[in-house]
Amino acid sequence: MTSRVPEDVVWMRSSTSAGDDAVEIARLPDGGAALRRANDPDCEPHVYTAAEWDAFVKGVDAGEFDLPE
């Protein structure tokens, strides 16, 4: 699989992440997003289109992924 992630993207992670036990995100020029494991930056990232990423973020905002208490 050929990565659709440009080499010059900026990878970010939450300030609450514990060391390399984290997920990093890079916003892509086309509005999509790429995700990778922080402890394996050479792994092939998961790439999402702008529509896929927007649907995911809206689901998070709506609480669709909240764990039951």
Protein backbone atom coordinates (compact mmCIF):
# COMPACT_ATOMS: atom_id res chain seq x y z
CA MET A 1 0.00 0.00 0.00
CA THR A 2 1.32 3.41 -0.90
CA SER A 3 0.77 6.06 1.74
CA ARG A 4 -1.28 9.10 0.78
CA VAL A 5 0.34 11.07 3.59
CA PRO A 6 2.76 13.81 2.49
CA GLU A 7 6.14 13.64 4.20
CA ASP A 8 5.86 17.20 5.53
CA VAL A 9 2.65 16.78 7.56
CA VAL A 10 2.74 17.72 11.23
CA TRP A 11 1.92 14.84 13.57
CA MET A 12 0.16 15.84 16.80
CA ARG A 13 -0.93 14.03 19.94
CA SER A 14 -2.98 14.89 22.97
CA SER A 15 -1.20 16.68 25.79
CA THR A 16 -2.73 14.06 28.10
CA SER A 17 -0.96 11.20 26.30
CA ALA A 18 1.39 9.03 28.33
CA GLY A 19 4.73 8.98 26.51
CA ASP A 20 4.75 6.90 23.35
CA ASP A 21 1.59 5.04 24.39
CA ALA A 22 -0.49 7.36 22.23
CA VAL A 23 -2.14 7.88 18.88
CA GLU A 24 -0.97 10.72 16.66
CA ILE A 25 -3.03 12.57 14.07
CA ALA A 26 -2.01 14.58 11.03
CA ARG A 27 -4.46 16.77 9.13
CA LEU A 28 -4.06 16.30 5.39
CA PRO A 29 -4.12 19.00 2.68
CA ASP A 30 -7.38 17.60 1.27
CA GLY A 31 -9.16 17.94 4.64
CA GLY A 32 -8.74 14.30 5.59
CA ALA A 33 -6.77 12.90 8.48
CA ALA A 34 -4.14 10.24 9.10
CA LEU A 35 -3.70 8.32 12.36
CA ARG A 36 -0.69 6.33 13.54
CA ARG A 37 0.73 4.79 16.70
CA ALA A 38 3.24 7.14 18.35
CA ASN A 39 5.51 4.26 19.33
CA ASP A 40 5.82 3.10 15.69
CA PRO A 41 6.07 6.22 13.50
CA ASP A 42 7.28 4.18 10.51
CA CYS A 43 4.11 2.09 10.38
CA GLU A 44 1.60 2.70 7.61
CA PRO A 45 -0.92 5.23 8.97
CA HIS A 46 -4.68 4.83 8.70
CA VAL A 47 -5.90 7.48 6.25
CA TYR A 48 -9.43 8.90 6.28
CA THR A 49 -11.14 11.15 3.76
CA ALA A 50 -12.48 14.53 4.82
CA ALA A 51 -16.04 13.11 4.85
CA GLU A 52 -15.01 10.10 6.95
CA TRP A 53 -13.13 12.28 9.43
CA ASP A 54 -16.01 14.76 9.67
CA ALA A 55 -18.48 11.94 10.39
CA PHE A 56 -16.18 10.54 13.08
CA VAL A 57 -15.68 13.91 14.79
CA LYS A 58 -19.43 14.59 14.73
CA GLY A 59 -20.01 11.17 16.31
CA VAL A 60 -17.49 11.92 19.07
CA ASP A 61 -19.10 15.31 19.70
CA ALA A 62 -22.53 13.65 19.89
CA GLY A 63 -21.31 11.11 22.46
CA GLU A 64 -21.77 8.12 20.16
CA PHE A 65 -18.52 6.54 21.36
CA ASP A 66 -18.92 7.18 25.08
CA LEU A 67 -18.52 4.07 27.20
CA PRO A 68 -21.45 3.09 29.39
CA GLU A 69 -21.01 3.93 33.04
